[in-house]
Amino acid sequence: MGSVNSLVSPQGKQPLLSFGILSDVQYADIPDGHSFLGVPRYYRHSILVLQRAVRKWNNHQKLKFVLQFGDIVDGFCPKDQSLSAVKKVVDEFETFNGPVHHMIGNHCLYNLPRDKLLPLLKIPGCDGRAYYDFSPIPEYRFVVLDGYDISAIGWPQNHPNTLQAMEFLREKNPNSDKNSPMGLVGLERRFLMFNGAVGKEQLEWLDGVLQDATQLNQKVVICCHLPLDSGASSKEALLWNYDEVMDVIHRYNCVKVCLAGHDHEGGHSIDSHGVHHRVLEAALECPPGTDAFGYIDVFDDRLSLIVGETTDQEPMESRFNRNLSSESKGSITLQKKLAESRRPVRAEPVPDLTDFMNDMFFGTVKPDKKSYNLMGNGGLDMDDEESFDDSRRSNSSRLNSGMAR
């Protein structure tokens, strides 16, 4: 496929609009570290990725807005620096020549409570809720979900949403450490404290928004920090009640794409109702000289994602296959972030799964931290090139395959 150096698509059409995307910056003014899997995490470099992203977006000149998918500051950020770190990252986003629509993630809430975080992000929710929608053009509506509506983090300890979340975790996860999936099987492994749920009131709101979009003949893009389909994400990263959310979405034909962050490696799937799910790679895990950001060109019948800093990237097209009279069913081809580094690991004793899950999502800054081989393959490096031509490929076993990297 040829390079994309202008707004004209290979079919000669111009997009209805374009917007920038970035997820999981997780900036902190601390030394680089590694995840439990041995994946490098570049805490200071991540803000440079953001700066390059803003420069690219501004140079594009026709991007209507930017979507930020959560976790702008890392949980390891020293707590006396949390406020200044959040402000620093927000200030970088503010240099974009247009509006920025933010989502909250678990790492955001480790640093600041909702009552301090939401005003800094200019999230237009009420009563601490962080869900909203907007229509940049009549043909499209963007719906931003609050995946930590029901959550054990971010709300005051005695808040009804916190109490509901803790009761839910006690029921679903028998471990004393609620961030541990020990003993949980299959999709049950999502019932971890660093995830959350969409509450009943938000579900009713979502249903109403989709009804309205259907009446207005709008196509809808759903955005959430937490993934909504196990085919695009590890089970441990899913929204607690992703199934309830998708039940609402599947009542309507207007939703075409669900975008998310949280699961740093990224992924893609098409669900049983033809809805595309795209999980974005993390800016945090970009080695110096590489990037994980991009922009999306929106057409009447498809979305095309262009990634990275250079101008010779191939488009990543998601052609809608529901209720289209003039276009045939298509697939999606996704490009991983530039110059993805190989991640060698060493054979080690099998670690405690509590430590594994805590470190997978919280990372480590200990310079002597070792990675572990949980596959028993002698620490062989595995090929991480992915072909997304099979758009129904399941990534639900990504944790297992990732352990060997």
Protein backbone atom coordinates (compact mmCIF):
# COMPACT_ATOMS: atom_id res chain seq x y z
CA MET A 1 0.00 0.00 0.00
CA GLY A 2 1.36 3.41 -0.93
CA SER A 3 2.43 6.13 1.43
CA VAL A 4 0.03 8.74 2.74
CA ASN A 5 1.32 12.27 2.40
CA SER A 6 -1.95 14.16 2.06
CA LEU A 7 -5.56 14.04 3.05
CA VAL A 8 -6.57 12.34 -0.15
CA SER A 9 -7.32 8.66 0.37
CA PRO A 10 -6.27 5.96 -2.10
CA GLN A 11 -9.83 6.11 -3.42
CA GLY A 12 -9.47 9.83 -4.07
CA LYS A 13 -11.91 10.84 -1.35
CA GLN A 14 -11.20 13.42 1.30
CA PRO A 15 -12.05 12.64 4.94
CA LEU A 16 -15.04 14.16 6.65
CA LEU A 17 -12.73 15.01 9.54
CA SER A 18 -9.43 13.95 11.12
CA PHE A 19 -8.39 13.72 14.77
CA GLY A 20 -5.29 12.81 16.78
CA ILE A 21 -4.95 9.87 19.18
CA LEU A 22 -2.56 8.99 22.03
CA SER A 23 -2.77 6.67 25.04
CA ASP A 24 -0.90 5.74 28.21
CA VAL A 25 1.77 8.43 28.37
CA GLN A 26 2.33 7.57 32.06
CA TYR A 27 4.94 10.27 32.49
CA ALA A 28 6.99 10.45 35.68
CA ASP A 29 10.24 12.22 36.51
CA ILE A 30 11.93 8.98 37.56
CA PRO A 31 14.56 6.68 36.01
CA ASP A 32 13.52 4.24 33.32
CA GLY A 33 12.28 0.87 34.52
CA HIS A 34 10.83 -2.39 33.30
CA SER A 35 7.56 -4.20 33.59
CA PHE A 36 7.51 -7.61 35.21
CA LEU A 37 7.76 -9.09 31.72
CA GLY A 38 10.99 -7.23 31.07
CA VAL A 39 9.36 -4.67 28.79
CA PRO A 40 11.24 -1.36 29.13
CA ARG A 41 9.28 1.63 30.40
CA TYR A 42 10.59 5.08 29.52
CA TYR A 43 9.01 7.37 32.10
CA ARG A 44 10.79 10.58 31.12
CA HIS A 45 10.88 9.86 27.40
CA SER A 46 7.11 9.47 27.21
CA ILE A 47 6.57 13.21 27.41
CA LEU A 48 8.90 13.60 24.43
CA VAL A 49 6.61 11.24 22.52
CA LEU A 50 3.74 13.56 23.45
CA GLN A 51 5.68 16.61 22.29
CA ARG A 52 6.41 14.99 18.93
CA ALA A 53 2.76 14.01 18.66
CA VAL A 54 1.57 17.58 19.20
CA ARG A 55 4.09 18.87 16.67
CA LYS A 56 2.88 16.32 14.12
CA TRP A 57 -0.77 17.11 14.82
CA ASN A 58 -0.22 20.86 14.51
CA ASN A 59 1.76 20.42 11.29
CA HIS A 60 -1.17 18.46 9.88
CA GLN A 61 -3.23 21.66 10.24
CA LYS A 62 -6.58 19.99 9.60
CA LEU A 63 -7.04 17.89 12.73
CA LYS A 64 -10.31 18.86 14.39
CA PHE A 65 -9.45 17.58 17.90
CA VAL A 66 -7.32 15.10 19.86
CA LEU A 67 -8.44 12.12 21.95
CA GLN A 68 -6.30 11.22 24.98
CA PHE A 69 -7.13 7.72 26.21
CA GLY A 70 -6.04 7.94 29.84
CA ASP A 71 -3.08 7.32 32.16
CA ILE A 72 -1.21 10.54 31.48
CA VAL A 73 0.92 10.15 34.65
CA ASP A 74 2.33 6.90 36.05
CA GLY A 75 1.44 5.38 39.40
CA PHE A 76 5.13 5.44 40.37
CA CYS A 77 5.19 9.23 40.15
CA PRO A 78 6.21 10.49 43.62
CA LYS A 79 3.02 11.62 45.31
CA ASP A 80 4.44 15.04 46.17
CA GLN A 81 4.90 15.52 42.41
CA SER A 82 1.52 14.19 41.26
CA LEU A 83 -0.19 17.55 40.83
CA SER A 84 2.75 19.19 39.07
CA ALA A 85 3.25 16.13 36.83
CA VAL A 86 -0.39 16.11 35.73
CA LYS A 87 -0.23 19.85 35.05
CA LYS A 88 2.97 19.41 33.06
CA VAL A 89 1.44 16.80 30.77
CA VAL A 90 -1.82 18.75 30.42
CA ASP A 91 0.19 21.85 29.48
CA GLU A 92 1.85 19.86 26.68
CA PHE A 93 -1.55 18.80 25.35
CA GLU A 94 -2.68 22.44 25.53
CA THR A 95 -0.08 23.35 22.90
CA PHE A 96 -2.22 21.53 20.34
CA ASN A 97 -4.08 24.00 18.15
CA GLY A 98 -7.53 22.69 18.96
CA PRO A 99 -9.61 20.97 21.65
CA VAL A 100 -8.31 17.91 23.53
CA HIS A 101 -10.83 15.40 24.87
CA HIS A 102 -9.46 13.47 27.83
CA MET A 103 -10.33 10.15 29.42
CA ILE A 104 -9.30 9.01 32.90
CA GLY A 105 -7.34 5.84 33.60
CA ASN A 106 -6.28 3.97 36.70
CA HIS A 107 -2.86 5.64 36.82
CA CYS A 108 -4.49 9.07 36.73
CA LEU A 109 -6.53 8.09 39.78
CA TYR A 110 -3.51 6.72 41.67
CA ASN A 111 -2.12 10.25 41.53
CA LEU A 112 -5.13 12.52 42.08
CA PRO A 113 -8.72 12.05 43.26
CA ARG A 114 -11.51 12.83 40.83
CA ASP A 115 -12.38 16.18 42.36
CA LYS A 116 -8.87 17.45 41.55
CA LEU A 117 -8.24 15.51 38.35
CA LEU A 118 -11.37 16.22 36.32
CA PRO A 119 -11.10 20.03 36.41
CA LEU A 120 -7.47 19.83 35.27
CA LEU A 121 -8.53 17.67 32.33
CA LYS A 122 -11.54 19.89 31.61
CA ILE A 123 -13.81 16.84 31.57
CA PRO A 124 -17.40 18.13 31.38
CA GLY A 125 -19.02 15.54 33.67
CA CYS A 126 -21.08 16.32 36.76
CA ASP A 127 -20.84 14.93 40.31
CA GLY A 128 -17.40 13.54 39.57
CA ARG A 129 -18.56 11.50 36.57
CA ALA A 130 -16.27 11.48 33.57
CA TYR A 131 -18.52 10.38 30.71
CA TYR A 132 -19.74 12.65 27.93
CA ASP A 133 -20.38 12.82 24.20
CA PHE A 134 -19.80 15.30 21.40
CA SER A 135 -20.53 15.62 17.67
CA PRO A 136 -17.76 17.41 15.76
CA ILE A 137 -19.73 17.00 12.53
CA PRO A 138 -23.39 16.06 11.96
CA GLU A 139 -22.52 12.62 10.56
CA TYR A 140 -20.56 11.37 13.59
CA ARG A 141 -20.87 11.25 17.36
CA PHE A 142 -18.09 10.38 19.80
CA VAL A 143 -19.04 8.82 23.13
CA VAL A 144 -16.49 8.89 25.97
CA LEU A 145 -17.17 6.33 28.69
CA ASP A 146 -16.02 6.49 32.32
CA GLY A 147 -14.57 3.03 32.90
CA TYR A 148 -13.91 3.83 36.57
CA ASP A 149 -17.45 4.95 37.33
CA ILE A 150 -17.70 2.01 39.74
CA SER A 151 -14.18 1.70 41.10
CA ALA A 152 -12.12 1.16 44.22
CA ILE A 153 -9.81 4.02 43.19
CA GLY A 154 -10.46 7.71 42.64
CA TRP A 155 -13.62 8.12 44.73
CA PRO A 156 -13.54 8.83 48.50
CA GLN A 157 -13.32 5.63 50.55
CA ASN A 158 -16.87 5.99 51.85
CA HIS A 159 -18.37 6.94 48.48
CA PRO A 160 -21.20 4.63 47.34
CA ASN A 161 -19.29 3.83 44.13
CA THR A 162 -16.23 2.77 46.12
CA LEU A 163 -18.31 0.63 48.46
CA GLN A 164 -20.10 -0.98 45.51
CA ALA A 165 -16.77 -1.72 43.83
CA MET A 166 -15.27 -3.28 46.95
CA GLU A 167 -18.34 -5.46 47.48
CA PHE A 168 -18.16 -6.51 43.83
CA LEU A 169 -14.47 -7.45 44.17
CA ARG A 170 -15.11 -9.41 47.36
CA GLU A 171 -17.74 -11.39 45.49
CA LYS A 172 -15.78 -11.94 42.29
CA ASN A 173 -12.16 -12.17 43.46
CA PRO A 174 -11.37 -14.38 46.50
CA ASN A 175 -7.75 -13.20 46.80
CA SER A 176 -6.71 -10.95 49.66
CA ASP A 177 -4.87 -8.83 47.09
CA LYS A 178 -7.62 -7.74 44.73
CA ASN A 179 -5.05 -7.00 42.01
CA SER A 180 -4.19 -10.70 41.85
CA PRO A 181 -5.93 -13.03 39.35
CA MET A 182 -4.75 -16.15 41.20
CA GLY A 183 -7.36 -18.87 40.81
CA LEU A 184 -9.52 -16.83 38.43
CA VAL A 185 -10.29 -18.57 35.16
CA GLY A 186 -10.90 -17.17 31.68
CA LEU A 187 -12.84 -13.94 31.56
CA GLU A 188 -13.08 -13.94 35.37
CA ARG A 189 -9.50 -12.67 35.35
CA ARG A 190 -10.77 -9.16 34.62
CA PHE A 191 -12.08 -8.80 38.18
CA LEU A 192 -9.05 -6.89 39.44
CA MET A 193 -8.83 -3.66 41.41
CA PHE A 194 -6.99 -1.75 38.67
CA ASN A 195 -10.04 -2.15 36.42
CA GLY A 196 -13.55 -0.78 36.96
CA ALA A 197 -17.12 -0.76 35.68
CA VAL A 198 -19.70 1.44 34.01
CA GLY A 199 -22.52 2.13 36.48
CA LYS A 200 -26.26 1.72 35.94
CA GLU A 201 -26.89 5.43 35.47
CA GLN A 202 -24.15 5.63 32.84
CA LEU A 203 -25.53 2.57 31.03
CA GLU A 204 -28.93 4.25 30.84
CA TRP A 205 -27.27 7.43 29.59
CA LEU A 206 -25.39 5.43 26.93
CA ASP A 207 -28.62 3.83 25.76
CA GLY A 208 -30.22 7.25 25.41
CA VAL A 209 -27.25 8.65 23.49
CA LEU A 210 -27.32 5.74 21.04
CA GLN A 211 -31.07 6.12 20.58
CA ASP A 212 -30.54 9.77 19.74
CA ALA A 213 -27.65 9.00 17.37
CA THR A 214 -29.79 6.42 15.58
CA GLN A 215 -32.59 8.93 15.08
CA LEU A 216 -30.10 11.44 13.70
CA ASN A 217 -28.53 8.82 11.42
CA GLN A 218 -25.13 9.33 13.05
CA LYS A 219 -22.27 6.87 13.13
CA VAL A 220 -20.80 6.46 16.63
CA VAL A 221 -17.25 5.95 17.90
CA ILE A 222 -17.06 4.63 21.49
CA CYS A 223 -14.00 5.66 23.51
CA CYS A 224 -12.92 4.23 26.87
CA HIS A 225 -9.64 3.70 28.71
CA LEU A 226 -10.59 0.07 29.36
CA PRO A 227 -11.06 -2.33 26.42
CA LEU A 228 -14.50 -3.76 25.64
CA ASP A 229 -13.64 -6.94 23.73
CA SER A 230 -11.42 -9.87 24.72
CA GLY A 231 -10.37 -10.35 21.10
CA ALA A 232 -8.48 -7.05 21.18
CA SER A 233 -7.09 -7.23 24.71
CA SER A 234 -5.85 -9.52 27.44
CA LYS A 235 -8.64 -10.72 29.70
CA GLU A 236 -6.97 -9.04 32.68
CA ALA A 237 -7.38 -5.59 31.10
CA LEU A 238 -11.11 -5.68 30.31
CA LEU A 239 -13.83 -3.50 31.79
CA TRP A 240 -15.57 -5.45 34.57
CA ASN A 241 -18.97 -5.23 32.88
CA TYR A 242 -17.83 -4.95 29.28
CA ASP A 243 -20.54 -7.49 28.41
CA GLU A 244 -23.31 -5.22 29.74
CA VAL A 245 -21.88 -2.26 27.84
CA MET A 246 -21.66 -4.27 24.63
CA ASP A 247 -25.23 -5.52 25.12
CA VAL A 248 -26.36 -1.89 24.99
CA ILE A 249 -24.13 -1.13 22.00
CA HIS A 250 -25.33 -4.17 20.08
CA ARG A 251 -28.96 -3.03 20.33
CA TYR A 252 -28.14 -0.41 17.73
CA ASN A 253 -26.43 -0.37 14.35
CA CYS A 254 -24.91 3.09 14.79
CA VAL A 255 -21.74 2.08 16.69
CA LYS A 256 -18.94 1.30 14.25
CA VAL A 257 -15.73 1.39 16.30
CA CYS A 258 -14.67 1.07 19.96
CA LEU A 259 -11.27 2.61 20.80
CA ALA A 260 -9.37 1.98 24.06
CA GLY A 261 -6.01 2.02 25.83
CA HIS A 262 -4.84 0.32 29.08
CA ASP A 263 -3.43 -2.87 27.51
CA HIS A 264 -0.05 -1.49 26.46
CA GLU A 265 0.69 -3.86 23.59
CA GLY A 266 -2.45 -2.89 21.69
CA GLY A 267 -4.74 -5.10 19.65
CA HIS A 268 -7.63 -5.34 17.23
CA SER A 269 -10.73 -7.46 16.74
CA ILE A 270 -14.11 -7.40 15.06
CA ASP A 271 -16.86 -8.69 17.32
CA SER A 272 -19.86 -10.88 16.49
CA HIS A 273 -21.92 -7.83 15.49
CA GLY A 274 -19.29 -6.38 13.15
CA VAL A 275 -18.05 -3.66 15.55
CA HIS A 276 -14.33 -2.94 15.30
CA HIS A 277 -12.32 -2.81 18.54
CA ARG A 278 -8.90 -1.12 18.49
CA VAL A 279 -6.68 -0.95 21.59
CA LEU A 280 -3.88 1.61 21.23
CA GLU A 281 -0.25 0.96 22.05
CA ALA A 282 1.29 2.81 25.02
CA ALA A 283 3.49 5.87 24.57
CA LEU A 284 5.23 4.84 27.81
CA GLU A 285 6.85 1.81 26.20
CA CYS A 286 8.33 3.56 23.16
CA PRO A 287 12.14 3.35 23.15
CA PRO A 288 13.87 6.64 22.34
CA GLY A 289 13.45 7.36 18.66
CA THR A 290 10.14 5.51 18.36
CA ASP A 291 6.54 6.63 18.77
CA ALA A 292 3.04 5.40 19.54
CA PHE A 293 0.66 8.11 18.38
CA GLY A 294 -1.21 8.94 15.25
CA TYR A 295 -4.29 10.44 13.73
CA ILE A 296 -7.44 9.04 12.20
CA ASP A 297 -9.05 10.12 8.96
CA VAL A 298 -12.81 9.66 9.16
CA PHE A 299 -14.78 8.84 6.03
CA ASP A 300 -18.43 8.01 5.59
CA ASP A 301 -17.66 4.30 5.29
CA ARG A 302 -14.36 3.79 7.11
CA LEU A 303 -11.70 5.06 9.49
CA SER A 304 -8.06 5.20 8.39
CA LEU A 305 -5.37 5.39 11.09
CA ILE A 306 -1.97 6.86 10.24
CA VAL A 307 0.66 6.29 12.91
CA GLY A 308 4.01 7.70 13.94
CA GLU A 309 6.26 10.65 13.37
CA THR A 310 7.30 10.06 9.77
CA THR A 311 5.20 10.79 6.70
CA ASP A 312 5.64 7.46 4.94
CA GLN A 313 3.26 5.44 7.07
CA GLU A 314 0.69 3.19 5.46
CA PRO A 315 -2.95 3.81 6.32
CA MET A 316 -4.72 1.52 8.72
CA GLU A 317 -8.22 1.19 7.40
CA SER A 318 -11.29 -0.02 9.21
CA ARG A 319 -14.07 -0.38 6.68
CA PHE A 320 -17.48 -0.62 8.27
CA ASN A 321 -19.36 -3.75 7.37
CA ARG A 322 -22.77 -3.01 8.87
CA ASN A 323 -25.62 -1.34 7.01
CA LEU A 324 -23.59 -0.14 4.05
CA SER A 325 -25.32 -0.22 0.72
CA SER A 326 -22.47 0.91 -1.51
CA GLU A 327 -19.40 -0.66 0.10
CA SER A 328 -18.52 -4.31 0.54
CA LYS A 329 -17.27 -5.91 3.73
CA GLY A 330 -13.60 -5.20 4.44
CA SER A 331 -10.87 -5.84 6.95
CA ILE A 332 -8.34 -3.86 8.91
CA THR A 333 -4.57 -3.78 8.61
CA LEU A 334 -2.83 -2.43 11.67
CA GLN A 335 0.73 -1.21 11.98
CA LYS A 336 2.53 -1.55 15.27
CA LYS A 337 4.50 1.37 16.61
CA LEU A 338 7.69 2.21 14.77
CA ALA A 339 10.86 0.17 15.27
CA GLU A 340 9.36 -2.11 17.92
CA SER A 341 12.24 -3.35 20.04
CA ARG A 342 12.85 -7.00 20.78
CA ARG A 343 12.49 -7.88 24.44
CA PRO A 344 14.92 -10.60 25.55
CA VAL A 345 14.12 -12.47 28.72
CA ARG A 346 15.97 -14.89 30.96
CA ALA A 347 14.71 -18.17 32.35
CA GLU A 348 13.77 -17.70 36.00
CA PRO A 349 11.66 -19.44 38.63
CA VAL A 350 7.94 -18.89 38.22
CA PRO A 351 7.02 -15.79 40.28
CA ASP A 352 4.01 -15.18 42.43
CA LEU A 353 1.07 -14.13 40.23
CA THR A 354 0.16 -11.32 42.61
CA ASP A 355 3.54 -9.73 41.95
CA PHE A 356 3.14 -10.46 38.24
CA MET A 357 -0.19 -8.65 37.88
CA ASN A 358 0.78 -5.74 40.13
CA ASP A 359 3.92 -5.19 38.14
CA MET A 360 2.31 -5.68 34.75
CA PHE A 361 0.04 -2.69 35.27
CA PHE A 362 2.08 -0.69 37.81
CA GLY A 363 5.57 -1.36 36.42
CA THR A 364 8.81 -1.27 38.38
CA VAL A 365 11.59 1.29 38.71
CA LYS A 366 14.03 -1.04 40.42
CA PRO A 367 17.15 -1.20 38.23
CA ASP A 368 17.91 -4.78 39.30
CA LYS A 369 14.41 -6.06 38.50
CA LYS A 370 14.53 -9.20 36.39
CA SER A 371 12.08 -10.48 33.86
CA TYR A 372 10.70 -14.00 34.10
CA ASN A 373 10.08 -16.74 31.62
CA LEU A 374 6.74 -18.31 32.48
CA MET A 375 6.51 -20.42 29.34
CA GLY A 376 9.30 -22.90 30.09
CA ASN A 377 10.95 -22.27 26.72
CA GLY A 378 14.39 -21.44 28.02
CA GLY A 379 13.93 -17.74 27.55
CA LEU A 380 13.70 -17.81 23.78
CA ASP A 381 12.83 -14.51 22.17
CA MET A 382 9.57 -14.73 20.25
CA ASP A 383 8.67 -12.94 17.05
CA ASP A 384 6.33 -10.08 17.91
CA GLU A 385 5.39 -9.18 14.36
CA GLU A 386 1.62 -9.33 14.08
CA SER A 387 -0.57 -9.64 11.03
CA PHE A 388 -4.02 -8.20 11.49
CA ASP A 389 -5.29 -9.34 8.10
CA ASP A 390 -7.17 -11.99 10.06
CA SER A 391 -9.33 -9.39 11.73
CA ARG A 392 -10.99 -11.88 14.02
CA ARG A 393 -7.69 -12.97 15.53
CA SER A 394 -8.05 -13.30 19.28
CA ASN A 395 -5.45 -11.69 21.53
CA SER A 396 -6.97 -13.16 24.67
CA SER A 397 -3.86 -15.23 25.27
CA ARG A 398 -1.53 -12.25 24.89
CA LEU A 399 -0.37 -12.49 28.50
CA ASN A 400 0.89 -16.02 27.90
CA SER A 401 2.64 -15.19 24.65
CA GLY A 402 3.99 -11.97 26.10
CA MET A 403 5.61 -13.79 29.00
CA ALA A 404 8.21 -15.20 26.65
CA ARG A 405 9.39 -11.79 25.47
